[in-house]
Amino acid sequence: MAPTRRRILGGLAGLAVSGLAGCGISGPGGAQGVPPGTRGRAALLLPLTGDAARLGQAMRQAASLGGTGVGLTAELEILDSGGTEDSAVRAARAAVEAGAQMLIGPLFSAQAAAVAAAVPKDVPVVALSNDEALADTGAFVFGVTPRHSAQAILGYAAARGLRDVAVVVPPGAFGTRSAEAAQALAKPLGITLRPTITRAEAGDLRAALEAGGAGLPKAVYLPAADATLLPFAQTLAGSGVQILGSVQWSGFAPVDAPELQGSWFAAPDPLRFEPFAQAFAREAGADAEAGILAGLTFDGAEMARLLGRIGAQNREGLLREAGFSGVLGPYRFVKEGLCQRGLAVLGVEGSQLTLLSATVG
């Protein structure tokens, strides 16, 4: 499988697909064939105004691709969560008063925490954030987290005998969470993880990796797709070290970077994501890019619709053993409020991205 367009999540090319229904996307976890009957009511809270309004409008378009209407009398109502905690709480309360049994969103962590505290406990809040700390508020965390990336890419590396791994992360929350995820997964995967290197320590990356006389590791995990990624990768060129990346890499074009040739990174499975990306482009315009958040919004909307159709828009429905199947891959919630998610692994080979490990489920 060889998608070649500039962004893996910005309109994948190279796969023979057509339409959403052909890939089972019209119903997460088998919504196709669900008998008609009483429909549940859910609300999707998106930032339709404020600094993130452009992103919110794209997410709204994604939620509308499921084949059923959205609005006051539909299965799914979309409300503006605005840019503050107060505006998100007002939207959530209005949704519940109008009969919503489940809330998808908001996107931002502080808003989601405020909403979880403000609505009745029997109304599940499925936050679109990737902040796992939100689980402590009673919300379910639906976003693609550093743990999801680490599970996919480190699992793939370990299965191929690369068990001596170093992690290089930026300062800040993302770097901390990425390092913690790798540390939690290392022992179960049989990986020997070297001490984490932060940007403040990196300086000469190669010297930092060889500190203590251990030589270079078999693989280096570079989860952050920022300005340091290509220089770090260039430092490792020709060393024999396998470069590993996270879902963050999906937001740019690894195939355009000679420094990343031969690298591997975690990403949504293109076999699942491509039909959605094509449908999104048809509706939003050829230049529109269906990114992670658009796919997440679509999956959340379809999950809420499915649970409404089977009378399970509640905590028990979210925790169902079968889980769900979405455009970002299969997923299931656990009682702690976290989401277990399957991601693919892609390899950068020449001018193409090759599917190295697909998701199952």
Protein backbone atom coordinates (compact mmCIF):
# COMPACT_ATOMS: atom_id res chain seq x y z
CA MET A 1 0.00 0.00 0.00
CA ALA A 2 1.67 3.23 -1.05
CA PRO A 3 -0.08 6.53 -0.38
CA THR A 4 1.98 9.32 -1.92
CA ARG A 5 0.23 12.64 -1.38
CA ARG A 6 1.86 15.41 0.61
CA ARG A 7 0.19 14.57 3.92
CA ILE A 8 -0.83 11.10 4.98
CA LEU A 9 -3.90 12.55 6.70
CA GLY A 10 -4.52 15.26 4.16
CA GLY A 11 -6.13 13.26 1.36
CA LEU A 12 -4.37 9.94 0.93
CA ALA A 13 -3.65 8.76 -2.59
CA GLY A 14 -2.69 5.43 -4.09
CA LEU A 15 -5.43 3.25 -2.62
CA ALA A 16 -8.37 1.91 -4.66
CA VAL A 17 -11.33 2.87 -2.50
CA SER A 18 -14.73 4.43 -3.06
CA GLY A 19 -17.34 5.73 -0.67
CA LEU A 20 -17.78 5.40 3.07
CA ALA A 21 -20.12 2.43 3.05
CA GLY A 22 -17.62 0.15 1.30
CA CYS A 23 -15.28 0.18 4.27
CA GLY A 24 -17.77 -0.33 7.06
CA ILE A 25 -17.42 3.24 8.24
CA SER A 26 -21.13 3.97 8.17
CA GLY A 27 -21.55 2.25 11.50
CA PRO A 28 -18.84 1.86 14.17
CA GLY A 29 -18.88 -1.61 15.63
CA GLY A 30 -21.47 -2.84 13.16
CA ALA A 31 -24.11 -0.12 12.99
CA GLN A 32 -25.10 -1.36 9.55
CA GLY A 33 -28.16 -3.51 9.97
CA VAL A 34 -29.16 -2.04 13.35
CA PRO A 35 -32.95 -2.15 13.30
CA PRO A 36 -34.74 1.18 13.14
CA GLY A 37 -36.56 2.34 16.23
CA THR A 38 -36.27 4.92 18.94
CA ARG A 39 -33.26 7.11 18.28
CA GLY A 40 -31.17 8.44 21.13
CA ARG A 41 -30.16 12.05 21.42
CA ALA A 42 -26.57 13.23 21.71
CA ALA A 43 -24.81 16.57 21.41
CA LEU A 44 -21.47 17.43 19.87
CA LEU A 45 -19.72 20.41 21.47
CA LEU A 46 -17.37 22.16 19.03
CA PRO A 47 -15.51 25.52 19.06
CA LEU A 48 -17.54 27.17 16.30
CA THR A 49 -16.60 30.68 17.46
CA GLY A 50 -13.43 32.09 18.98
CA ASP A 51 -9.80 31.48 18.09
CA ALA A 52 -10.39 27.87 17.03
CA ALA A 53 -13.51 28.57 14.95
CA ARG A 54 -11.94 27.49 11.66
CA LEU A 55 -10.97 24.15 13.17
CA GLY A 56 -14.41 23.80 14.73
CA GLN A 57 -16.14 24.37 11.41
CA ALA A 58 -14.03 21.65 9.78
CA MET A 59 -14.91 19.29 12.62
CA ARG A 60 -18.58 20.15 12.13
CA GLN A 61 -18.30 19.23 8.46
CA ALA A 62 -16.73 15.91 9.40
CA ALA A 63 -19.56 15.10 11.80
CA SER A 64 -22.08 15.70 9.03
CA LEU A 65 -20.67 12.95 6.79
CA GLY A 66 -22.43 10.09 8.57
CA GLY A 67 -25.51 10.05 6.36
CA THR A 68 -27.97 11.40 8.91
CA GLY A 69 -28.87 14.97 9.71
CA VAL A 70 -27.66 17.11 12.56
CA GLY A 71 -29.73 19.69 14.38
CA LEU A 72 -32.37 20.24 17.01
CA THR A 73 -34.59 17.34 15.93
CA ALA A 74 -31.87 14.97 14.73
CA GLU A 75 -29.94 12.22 16.49
CA LEU A 76 -27.01 14.55 16.89
CA GLU A 77 -27.17 18.23 17.75
CA ILE A 78 -24.07 20.40 17.30
CA LEU A 79 -23.57 23.26 19.75
CA ASP A 80 -20.92 25.95 19.99
CA SER A 81 -18.61 25.41 22.95
CA GLY A 82 -16.87 28.74 22.25
CA GLY A 83 -13.43 29.44 23.61
CA THR A 84 -13.96 29.51 27.38
CA GLU A 85 -14.95 27.12 30.14
CA ASP A 86 -18.14 29.12 30.80
CA SER A 87 -19.24 28.99 27.17
CA ALA A 88 -18.66 25.23 27.05
CA VAL A 89 -20.66 24.69 30.25
CA ARG A 90 -23.54 26.77 28.92
CA ALA A 91 -23.61 24.70 25.73
CA ALA A 92 -23.48 21.44 27.67
CA ARG A 93 -26.30 22.42 30.00
CA ALA A 94 -28.43 23.56 27.07
CA ALA A 95 -27.84 20.22 25.36
CA VAL A 96 -28.85 18.23 28.44
CA GLU A 97 -31.94 20.36 28.99
CA ALA A 98 -32.92 19.66 25.36
CA GLY A 99 -32.68 15.91 25.96
CA ALA A 100 -29.11 14.95 25.13
CA GLN A 101 -28.17 11.65 26.79
CA MET A 102 -24.50 11.83 25.81
CA LEU A 103 -22.01 14.64 25.10
CA ILE A 104 -19.17 14.33 22.58
CA GLY A 105 -16.60 17.04 23.30
CA PRO A 106 -15.53 19.64 24.10
CA LEU A 107 -12.14 19.69 22.42
CA PHE A 108 -10.06 21.57 24.98
CA SER A 109 -9.00 19.99 28.25
CA ALA A 110 -10.06 22.79 30.61
CA GLN A 111 -13.46 23.02 28.94
CA ALA A 112 -13.98 19.27 29.14
CA ALA A 113 -13.13 19.21 32.86
CA ALA A 114 -15.59 22.04 33.51
CA VAL A 115 -18.34 20.31 31.53
CA ALA A 116 -17.80 16.98 33.31
CA ALA A 117 -18.27 18.76 36.65
CA ALA A 118 -21.34 20.66 35.50
CA VAL A 119 -23.60 18.02 33.95
CA PRO A 120 -25.43 15.13 35.67
CA LYS A 121 -23.24 12.08 36.26
CA ASP A 122 -25.52 9.88 34.19
CA VAL A 123 -24.72 11.93 31.06
CA PRO A 124 -21.38 10.62 29.73
CA VAL A 125 -18.88 13.24 28.55
CA VAL A 126 -16.60 11.90 25.79
CA ALA A 127 -13.89 14.55 25.57
CA LEU A 128 -12.15 15.07 22.23
CA SER A 129 -8.99 16.06 24.11
CA ASN A 130 -5.98 13.73 24.40
CA ASP A 131 -5.26 14.74 28.01
CA GLU A 132 -5.45 11.49 29.97
CA ALA A 133 -5.75 13.42 33.24
CA LEU A 134 -9.34 14.19 32.25
CA ALA A 135 -10.27 10.64 33.21
CA ASP A 136 -9.95 11.74 36.83
CA THR A 137 -12.84 14.18 36.29
CA GLY A 138 -15.22 11.43 35.20
CA ALA A 139 -14.93 12.22 31.49
CA PHE A 140 -13.94 9.64 28.89
CA VAL A 141 -10.76 10.58 27.00
CA PHE A 142 -11.25 10.02 23.27
CA GLY A 143 -8.28 11.87 21.73
CA VAL A 144 -5.25 10.16 20.21
CA THR A 145 -2.73 10.18 23.04
CA PRO A 146 1.05 9.79 23.26
CA ARG A 147 0.38 6.34 24.74
CA HIS A 148 -1.44 5.27 21.58
CA SER A 149 1.51 6.27 19.40
CA ALA A 150 4.05 4.65 21.69
CA GLN A 151 2.08 1.40 21.86
CA ALA A 152 1.94 1.10 18.07
CA ILE A 153 5.47 2.12 17.12
CA LEU A 154 7.37 0.58 20.04
CA GLY A 155 5.35 -2.62 19.73
CA TYR A 156 6.27 -2.84 16.05
CA ALA A 157 9.95 -2.13 16.77
CA ALA A 158 10.10 -4.74 19.54
CA ALA A 159 8.49 -7.36 17.30
CA ARG A 160 11.35 -6.80 14.87
CA GLY A 161 14.06 -7.22 17.47
CA LEU A 162 14.75 -3.54 18.14
CA ARG A 163 14.74 -3.66 21.92
CA ASP A 164 17.46 -1.11 22.76
CA VAL A 165 15.63 2.21 22.42
CA ALA A 166 16.25 5.84 23.33
CA VAL A 167 13.52 8.46 23.55
CA VAL A 168 14.15 12.11 22.71
CA VAL A 169 11.37 14.52 23.69
CA PRO A 170 10.81 18.27 23.96
CA PRO A 171 10.28 20.02 27.29
CA GLY A 172 6.65 20.44 28.26
CA ALA A 173 3.51 18.35 28.64
CA PHE A 174 3.71 16.50 25.33
CA GLY A 175 7.29 15.47 25.90
CA THR A 176 6.61 14.38 29.46
CA ARG A 177 3.58 12.31 28.44
CA SER A 178 5.45 10.73 25.52
CA ALA A 179 8.35 9.73 27.76
CA GLU A 180 6.01 8.38 30.44
CA ALA A 181 4.14 6.33 27.85
CA ALA A 182 7.37 4.78 26.57
CA GLN A 183 8.51 4.01 30.11
CA ALA A 184 5.20 2.32 30.96
CA LEU A 185 5.30 0.16 27.84
CA ALA A 186 8.99 -0.76 27.76
CA LYS A 187 8.95 -3.68 30.21
CA PRO A 188 5.80 -5.37 28.82
CA LEU A 189 7.30 -5.13 25.32
CA GLY A 190 10.69 -6.44 26.41
CA ILE A 191 12.41 -3.16 25.53
CA THR A 192 15.44 -1.81 27.35
CA LEU A 193 14.76 1.92 27.46
CA ARG A 194 17.68 4.28 27.89
CA PRO A 195 17.36 7.40 30.07
CA THR A 196 15.10 9.94 28.37
CA ILE A 197 16.86 12.78 26.59
CA THR A 198 15.12 16.15 26.65
CA ARG A 199 15.87 18.97 24.26
CA ALA A 200 17.69 20.81 27.02
CA GLU A 201 20.06 17.85 27.31
CA ALA A 202 20.32 16.93 23.65
CA GLY A 203 22.79 19.52 22.34
CA ASP A 204 24.90 17.16 20.28
CA LEU A 205 22.34 14.40 19.98
CA ARG A 206 24.79 11.70 18.98
CA ALA A 207 27.07 12.46 21.94
CA ALA A 208 24.07 12.44 24.27
CA LEU A 209 22.99 9.03 22.96
CA GLU A 210 26.50 7.59 23.38
CA ALA A 211 26.99 9.01 26.87
CA GLY A 212 28.22 6.43 29.35
CA GLY A 213 30.00 4.40 26.71
CA ALA A 214 27.00 2.32 25.72
CA GLY A 215 27.23 3.24 22.05
CA LEU A 216 24.25 4.09 19.91
CA PRO A 217 20.90 2.39 20.56
CA LYS A 218 19.18 0.22 17.99
CA ALA A 219 16.33 2.73 17.63
CA VAL A 220 15.52 6.31 18.60
CA TYR A 221 11.95 7.47 19.17
CA LEU A 222 11.38 11.10 18.09
CA PRO A 223 7.67 11.71 18.80
CA ALA A 224 7.63 15.48 18.27
CA ALA A 225 7.22 16.67 14.67
CA ASP A 226 8.68 20.13 15.23
CA ALA A 227 11.65 22.14 13.99
CA THR A 228 14.15 19.79 15.64
CA LEU A 229 12.94 16.59 13.96
CA LEU A 230 14.84 16.88 10.69
CA PRO A 231 18.13 18.07 12.26
CA PHE A 232 17.97 15.20 14.75
CA ALA A 233 17.22 12.73 11.97
CA GLN A 234 20.10 14.12 9.91
CA THR A 235 22.44 13.59 12.87
CA LEU A 236 21.50 9.91 12.86
CA ALA A 237 21.74 9.44 9.08
CA GLY A 238 24.00 6.55 8.11
CA SER A 239 24.41 5.38 11.70
CA GLY A 240 22.24 2.29 11.37
CA VAL A 241 19.88 3.59 14.06
CA GLN A 242 16.19 3.06 13.24
CA ILE A 243 14.22 6.30 13.59
CA LEU A 244 10.72 5.97 15.04
CA GLY A 245 7.92 8.56 15.05
CA SER A 246 4.48 9.27 16.46
CA VAL A 247 1.09 10.24 15.04
CA GLN A 248 2.32 13.84 15.09
CA TRP A 249 4.28 13.01 11.94
CA SER A 250 0.99 12.61 10.09
CA GLY A 251 0.59 16.38 9.94
CA PHE A 252 3.40 16.94 7.44
CA ALA A 253 5.04 15.14 4.52
CA PRO A 254 7.75 12.69 5.70
CA VAL A 255 8.32 11.53 2.12
CA ASP A 256 9.58 15.02 1.24
CA ALA A 257 12.34 14.84 3.86
CA PRO A 258 15.47 12.92 2.80
CA GLU A 259 16.46 12.81 6.48
CA LEU A 260 13.49 10.56 7.25
CA GLN A 261 14.06 7.93 4.57
CA GLY A 262 13.70 4.49 6.12
CA SER A 263 11.95 5.76 9.25
CA TRP A 264 8.77 4.28 10.73
CA PHE A 265 5.91 6.11 12.42
CA ALA A 266 2.51 5.47 13.97
CA ALA A 267 -0.54 6.69 12.04
CA PRO A 268 -4.19 5.89 11.34
CA ASP A 269 -4.50 2.94 8.99
CA PRO A 270 -4.88 4.42 5.46
CA LEU A 271 -7.16 1.56 4.47
CA ARG A 272 -9.63 2.87 7.04
CA PHE A 273 -8.94 6.58 6.75
CA GLU A 274 -8.85 7.06 2.98
CA PRO A 275 -12.58 6.71 2.26
CA PHE A 276 -13.29 9.31 4.93
CA ALA A 277 -10.59 11.66 3.59
CA GLN A 278 -12.05 11.41 0.09
CA ALA A 279 -15.59 12.05 1.32
CA PHE A 280 -14.40 14.99 3.39
CA ALA A 281 -12.64 16.50 0.37
CA ARG A 282 -15.77 16.13 -1.76
CA GLU A 283 -17.84 18.01 0.81
CA ALA A 284 -15.33 20.55 2.06
CA GLY A 285 -13.40 21.17 -1.17
CA ALA A 286 -10.38 19.59 -2.81
CA ASP A 287 -7.94 21.68 -0.75
CA ALA A 288 -9.50 20.67 2.57
CA GLU A 289 -7.34 18.35 4.64
CA ALA A 290 -9.03 15.75 6.80
CA GLY A 291 -6.72 15.58 9.78
CA ILE A 292 -6.73 13.63 13.02
CA LEU A 293 -9.34 15.86 14.67
CA ALA A 294 -11.72 15.60 11.72
CA GLY A 295 -11.49 11.81 11.83
CA LEU A 296 -11.91 11.82 15.60
CA THR A 297 -15.02 13.97 15.32
CA PHE A 298 -16.53 11.68 12.69
CA ASP A 299 -15.84 8.63 14.84
CA GLY A 300 -17.33 10.28 17.92
CA ALA A 301 -20.48 11.32 16.07
CA GLU A 302 -20.97 7.85 14.58
CA MET A 303 -20.36 6.19 17.94
CA ALA A 304 -23.03 8.37 19.55
CA ARG A 305 -25.46 7.60 16.74
CA LEU A 306 -24.85 3.87 17.06
CA LEU A 307 -25.33 3.83 20.82
CA GLY A 308 -28.51 5.86 20.44
CA ARG A 309 -29.92 3.33 17.99
CA ILE A 310 -29.35 0.44 20.38
CA GLY A 311 -30.53 2.30 23.47
CA ALA A 312 -27.08 2.46 25.06
CA GLN A 313 -26.08 6.13 25.30
CA ASN A 314 -24.67 5.61 28.75
CA ARG A 315 -21.53 4.51 30.55
CA GLU A 316 -22.31 0.82 30.02
CA GLY A 317 -22.72 1.41 26.29
CA LEU A 318 -19.35 3.11 26.05
CA LEU A 319 -17.73 0.24 27.93
CA ARG A 320 -19.20 -2.48 25.73
CA GLU A 321 -16.80 -5.36 25.23
CA ALA A 322 -17.01 -5.27 21.43
CA GLY A 323 -15.67 -1.74 21.31
CA PHE A 324 -16.01 0.26 18.12
CA SER A 325 -14.48 0.52 14.64
CA GLY A 326 -13.72 3.99 13.29
CA VAL A 327 -11.83 5.76 10.55
CA LEU A 328 -8.87 6.24 12.89
CA GLY A 329 -8.89 2.54 13.72
CA PRO A 330 -10.54 0.18 16.22
CA TYR A 331 -10.98 1.44 19.77
CA ARG A 332 -12.62 0.63 23.06
CA PHE A 333 -13.09 2.44 26.35
CA VAL A 334 -12.05 1.01 29.71
CA LYS A 335 -13.64 1.67 33.08
CA GLU A 336 -10.93 4.13 34.08
CA GLY A 337 -12.21 6.47 31.36
CA LEU A 338 -9.32 5.93 28.97
CA CYS A 339 -9.49 4.74 25.37
CA GLN A 340 -7.50 1.83 23.97
CA ARG A 341 -6.82 2.48 20.29
CA GLY A 342 -5.26 0.55 17.43
CA LEU A 343 -2.97 2.44 15.06
CA ALA A 344 -1.04 1.37 11.98
CA VAL A 345 2.70 1.76 11.33
CA LEU A 346 3.89 3.40 8.11
CA GLY A 347 7.36 3.39 6.62
CA VAL A 348 9.02 6.12 4.55
CA GLU A 349 10.43 4.49 1.42
CA GLY A 350 11.54 6.75 -1.40
CA SER A 351 8.64 8.91 -2.49
CA GLN A 352 6.07 6.65 -0.87
CA LEU A 353 4.62 5.73 2.49
CA THR A 354 4.35 1.98 2.89
CA LEU A 355 1.87 0.28 5.20
CA LEU A 356 4.07 -1.88 7.44
CA SER A 357 1.52 -2.89 10.06
CA ALA A 358 -2.24 -2.55 9.66
CA THR A 359 -4.80 -2.42 12.44
CA VAL A 360 -7.03 -5.38 13.18
CA GLY A 361 -10.59 -5.18 14.48
